[in-house]
């Protein structure tokens, strides 16, 4: 899959982990097009900072293979990276 976005892939920097097995769609405006896939529980994907919290609708993300499908944010939780620097 090689879906293009108007945003550079490098801007998808917020890591989230799947809470459950969930489906991505290539084009949520046409869910009958049959182009979809599975994101397994525990898998990491990346959201664009401007798209997180944009509601229950489909949100474009970046997968490990650098493809840009759409998912539901409610199926993911943010990965918290603790700083090793002192307070």
N, C-alpha and C. Protein backbone atom coordinates (compact mmCIF):
# COMPACT_ATOMS: atom_id res chain seq x y z
N UNK A 1 0.85 -1.17 0.00
CA UNK A 1 0.00 0.00 0.00
C UNK A 1 0.89 1.23 0.00
N UNK A 2 0.55 2.20 -0.80
CA UNK A 2 1.34 3.42 -0.86
C UNK A 2 0.41 4.60 -0.98
N UNK A 3 -0.32 4.89 0.07
CA UNK A 3 -1.27 5.99 0.08
C UNK A 3 -0.54 7.27 0.43
N UNK A 4 -0.74 8.30 -0.34
CA UNK A 4 -0.05 9.57 -0.15
C UNK A 4 -0.85 10.50 0.75
N UNK A 5 -0.17 11.38 1.42
CA UNK A 5 -0.78 12.40 2.27
C UNK A 5 -0.18 13.75 1.91
N UNK A 6 -0.94 14.79 2.18
CA UNK A 6 -0.43 16.13 1.96
C UNK A 6 0.64 16.48 3.00
N UNK A 7 0.67 15.73 4.11
CA UNK A 7 1.63 15.97 5.18
C UNK A 7 2.83 15.05 5.04
N UNK A 8 4.03 15.55 5.27
CA UNK A 8 5.22 14.69 5.21
C UNK A 8 5.16 13.62 6.30
N UNK A 9 5.62 12.42 5.97
CA UNK A 9 5.61 11.31 6.93
C UNK A 9 6.38 11.69 8.20
N UNK A 10 7.41 12.48 8.08
CA UNK A 10 8.22 12.87 9.24
C UNK A 10 7.41 13.61 10.30
N UNK A 11 6.25 14.14 9.93
CA UNK A 11 5.42 14.88 10.90
C UNK A 11 4.51 13.96 11.71
N UNK A 12 4.50 12.68 11.40
CA UNK A 12 3.73 11.70 12.20
C UNK A 12 4.65 11.21 13.30
N UNK A 13 4.64 11.91 14.44
CA UNK A 13 5.64 11.67 15.48
C UNK A 13 5.08 11.18 16.81
N UNK A 14 3.78 11.14 16.97
CA UNK A 14 3.19 10.72 18.24
C UNK A 14 2.90 9.22 18.21
N UNK A 15 3.66 8.46 18.98
CA UNK A 15 3.52 7.00 19.00
C UNK A 15 2.34 6.58 19.85
N UNK A 16 1.52 5.70 19.27
CA UNK A 16 0.37 5.12 19.98
C UNK A 16 0.42 3.62 19.79
N UNK A 17 -0.15 2.90 20.77
CA UNK A 17 -0.18 1.45 20.73
C UNK A 17 -1.62 0.97 20.66
N UNK A 18 -1.86 -0.05 19.85
CA UNK A 18 -3.22 -0.60 19.70
C UNK A 18 -3.66 -1.29 20.98
N UNK A 19 -4.86 -0.95 21.45
CA UNK A 19 -5.43 -1.55 22.64
C UNK A 19 -6.07 -2.90 22.34
N UNK A 20 -6.41 -3.14 21.09
CA UNK A 20 -7.07 -4.35 20.64
C UNK A 20 -6.76 -4.54 19.17
N UNK A 21 -7.01 -5.69 18.62
CA UNK A 21 -6.92 -5.86 17.17
C UNK A 21 -7.93 -4.91 16.54
N UNK A 22 -7.53 -4.18 15.55
CA UNK A 22 -8.41 -3.19 14.93
C UNK A 22 -8.11 -3.10 13.44
N UNK A 23 -9.03 -2.52 12.71
CA UNK A 23 -8.91 -2.43 11.25
C UNK A 23 -8.54 -1.03 10.82
N UNK A 24 -7.69 -0.94 9.81
CA UNK A 24 -7.44 0.34 9.14
C UNK A 24 -8.14 0.31 7.79
N UNK A 25 -8.48 1.50 7.30
CA UNK A 25 -9.07 1.64 5.97
C UNK A 25 -8.22 2.59 5.15
N UNK A 26 -8.11 2.32 3.88
CA UNK A 26 -7.38 3.22 2.99
C UNK A 26 -8.21 4.45 2.69
N UNK A 27 -9.53 4.27 2.55
CA UNK A 27 -10.41 5.39 2.21
C UNK A 27 -11.71 5.27 2.99
N UNK A 28 -11.80 5.88 4.18
CA UNK A 28 -13.01 5.75 4.98
C UNK A 28 -14.24 6.40 4.33
N UNK A 29 -14.04 7.26 3.35
CA UNK A 29 -15.17 7.85 2.64
C UNK A 29 -15.85 6.81 1.76
N UNK A 30 -15.14 5.72 1.46
CA UNK A 30 -15.69 4.64 0.64
C UNK A 30 -15.27 3.31 1.26
N UNK A 31 -15.90 2.90 2.39
CA UNK A 31 -15.50 1.67 3.08
C UNK A 31 -15.78 0.41 2.27
N UNK A 32 -16.50 0.53 1.17
CA UNK A 32 -16.79 -0.64 0.34
C UNK A 32 -15.68 -0.91 -0.67
N UNK A 33 -14.63 -0.07 -0.70
CA UNK A 33 -13.57 -0.26 -1.70
C UNK A 33 -12.70 -1.48 -1.40
N UNK A 34 -12.84 -2.07 -0.21
CA UNK A 34 -12.16 -3.31 0.10
C UNK A 34 -10.69 -3.19 0.46
N UNK A 35 -10.14 -1.99 0.49
CA UNK A 35 -8.72 -1.85 0.85
C UNK A 35 -8.67 -1.54 2.34
N UNK A 36 -8.32 -2.58 3.11
CA UNK A 36 -8.20 -2.43 4.55
C UNK A 36 -7.18 -3.43 5.06
N UNK A 37 -6.90 -3.35 6.33
CA UNK A 37 -5.93 -4.26 6.92
C UNK A 37 -6.09 -4.33 8.42
N UNK A 38 -5.28 -5.14 9.04
CA UNK A 38 -5.37 -5.38 10.47
C UNK A 38 -4.17 -4.78 11.18
N UNK A 39 -4.44 -4.13 12.29
CA UNK A 39 -3.41 -3.68 13.21
C UNK A 39 -3.61 -4.53 14.46
N UNK A 40 -2.60 -5.28 14.83
CA UNK A 40 -2.68 -6.20 15.97
C UNK A 40 -2.55 -5.45 17.29
N UNK A 41 -3.20 -5.99 18.32
CA UNK A 41 -3.07 -5.45 19.67
C UNK A 41 -1.60 -5.34 20.03
N UNK A 42 -1.18 -4.18 20.55
CA UNK A 42 0.20 -3.94 20.94
C UNK A 42 1.06 -3.32 19.86
N UNK A 43 0.58 -3.31 18.61
CA UNK A 43 1.36 -2.73 17.52
C UNK A 43 1.43 -1.21 17.67
N UNK A 44 2.55 -0.63 17.28
CA UNK A 44 2.76 0.82 17.36
C UNK A 44 2.49 1.47 16.00
N UNK A 45 1.78 2.59 16.06
CA UNK A 45 1.54 3.44 14.88
C UNK A 45 1.82 4.87 15.30
N UNK A 46 1.85 5.78 14.33
CA UNK A 46 2.18 7.18 14.64
C UNK A 46 1.09 8.11 14.10
N UNK A 47 0.67 9.03 14.97
CA UNK A 47 -0.32 10.05 14.63
C UNK A 47 0.39 11.37 14.37
N UNK A 48 -0.24 12.22 13.60
CA UNK A 48 0.22 13.59 13.40
C UNK A 48 -0.30 14.42 14.58
N UNK A 49 0.52 15.28 15.12
CA UNK A 49 0.13 16.05 16.32
C UNK A 49 -1.12 16.89 16.10
N UNK A 50 -1.37 17.34 14.89
CA UNK A 50 -2.54 18.17 14.62
C UNK A 50 -3.82 17.35 14.46
N UNK A 51 -3.71 16.03 14.38
CA UNK A 51 -4.88 15.19 14.15
C UNK A 51 -5.37 14.46 15.40
N UNK A 52 -4.55 14.38 16.42
CA UNK A 52 -4.94 13.68 17.64
C UNK A 52 -6.02 14.48 18.36
N UNK A 53 -7.07 13.78 18.77
CA UNK A 53 -8.16 14.43 19.48
C UNK A 53 -9.13 15.13 18.57
N UNK A 54 -9.09 14.78 17.29
CA UNK A 54 -9.98 15.44 16.34
C UNK A 54 -11.37 14.82 16.28
N UNK A 55 -11.69 13.96 17.25
CA UNK A 55 -13.03 13.39 17.32
C UNK A 55 -13.05 11.90 17.02
N UNK A 56 -14.26 11.33 17.01
CA UNK A 56 -14.41 9.89 16.84
C UNK A 56 -14.30 9.42 15.39
N UNK A 57 -14.09 10.36 14.48
CA UNK A 57 -14.02 10.00 13.06
C UNK A 57 -12.69 9.34 12.75
N UNK A 58 -12.53 8.91 11.53
CA UNK A 58 -11.30 8.29 11.08
C UNK A 58 -10.17 9.33 11.07
N UNK A 59 -8.98 8.89 11.48
CA UNK A 59 -7.80 9.76 11.54
C UNK A 59 -6.66 9.10 10.77
N UNK A 60 -5.98 9.87 9.94
CA UNK A 60 -4.87 9.32 9.17
C UNK A 60 -3.66 9.12 10.08
N UNK A 61 -2.99 7.99 9.90
CA UNK A 61 -1.82 7.63 10.70
C UNK A 61 -0.72 7.09 9.79
N UNK A 62 0.44 6.91 10.37
CA UNK A 62 1.56 6.31 9.65
C UNK A 62 1.86 4.95 10.29
N UNK A 63 1.88 3.90 9.46
CA UNK A 63 2.22 2.57 9.93
C UNK A 63 3.71 2.32 9.79
N UNK A 64 4.20 1.21 10.33
CA UNK A 64 5.63 0.86 10.24
C UNK A 64 6.13 0.82 8.80
N UNK A 65 5.26 0.41 7.87
CA UNK A 65 5.68 0.31 6.47
C UNK A 65 5.60 1.66 5.75
N UNK A 66 5.33 2.73 6.52
CA UNK A 66 5.25 4.11 6.02
C UNK A 66 4.00 4.37 5.19
N UNK A 67 3.06 3.46 5.22
CA UNK A 67 1.78 3.70 4.55
C UNK A 67 0.92 4.60 5.44
N UNK A 68 -0.07 5.24 4.85
CA UNK A 68 -0.86 6.25 5.55
C UNK A 68 -2.36 5.94 5.47
N UNK A 69 -2.82 4.92 6.18
CA UNK A 69 -4.24 4.61 6.20
C UNK A 69 -4.95 5.40 7.30
N UNK A 70 -6.19 5.06 7.55
CA UNK A 70 -7.01 5.73 8.56
C UNK A 70 -7.46 4.73 9.62
N UNK A 71 -7.51 5.21 10.89
CA UNK A 71 -7.94 4.38 12.02
C UNK A 71 -8.82 5.23 12.94
N UNK A 72 -9.41 4.55 13.95
CA UNK A 72 -10.15 5.24 15.00
C UNK A 72 -9.22 5.41 16.21
N UNK A 73 -9.06 6.64 16.68
CA UNK A 73 -8.18 6.94 17.81
C UNK A 73 -8.57 6.15 19.06
N UNK A 74 -9.86 5.87 19.26
CA UNK A 74 -10.30 5.18 20.48
C UNK A 74 -9.72 3.78 20.61
N UNK A 75 -9.17 3.23 19.54
CA UNK A 75 -8.56 1.90 19.58
C UNK A 75 -7.09 1.93 19.98
N UNK A 76 -6.58 3.10 20.35
CA UNK A 76 -5.16 3.27 20.64
C UNK A 76 -4.94 4.07 21.91
N UNK A 77 -3.77 3.87 22.54
CA UNK A 77 -3.36 4.69 23.67
C UNK A 77 -1.96 5.22 23.40
N UNK A 78 -1.73 6.44 23.88
CA UNK A 78 -0.43 7.08 23.66
C UNK A 78 0.65 6.34 24.42
N UNK A 79 1.79 6.17 23.79
CA UNK A 79 2.94 5.57 24.44
C UNK A 79 3.68 6.68 25.17
N UNK A 80 3.79 6.52 26.47
CA UNK A 80 4.46 7.53 27.29
C UNK A 80 5.94 7.17 27.38
N UNK A 81 6.77 8.08 26.95
CA UNK A 81 8.22 7.88 27.01
C UNK A 81 8.74 8.72 28.17
N UNK A 82 9.25 8.04 29.16
CA UNK A 82 9.77 8.76 30.32
C UNK A 82 11.15 9.29 30.05
N UNK A 83 11.36 10.52 30.44
CA UNK A 83 12.65 11.17 30.23
C UNK A 83 13.68 10.62 31.21
N UNK A 84 14.90 10.45 30.75
CA UNK A 84 15.97 9.99 31.64
C UNK A 84 16.68 11.17 32.29
N UNK A 85 16.25 12.38 31.93
CA UNK A 85 16.85 13.57 32.50
C UNK A 85 16.24 13.87 33.86
N UNK A 86 17.01 14.42 34.76
CA UNK A 86 16.54 14.74 36.10
C UNK A 86 15.53 15.87 36.11
N UNK A 87 14.80 15.96 37.20
CA UNK A 87 13.81 17.03 37.34
C UNK A 87 14.43 18.35 37.70
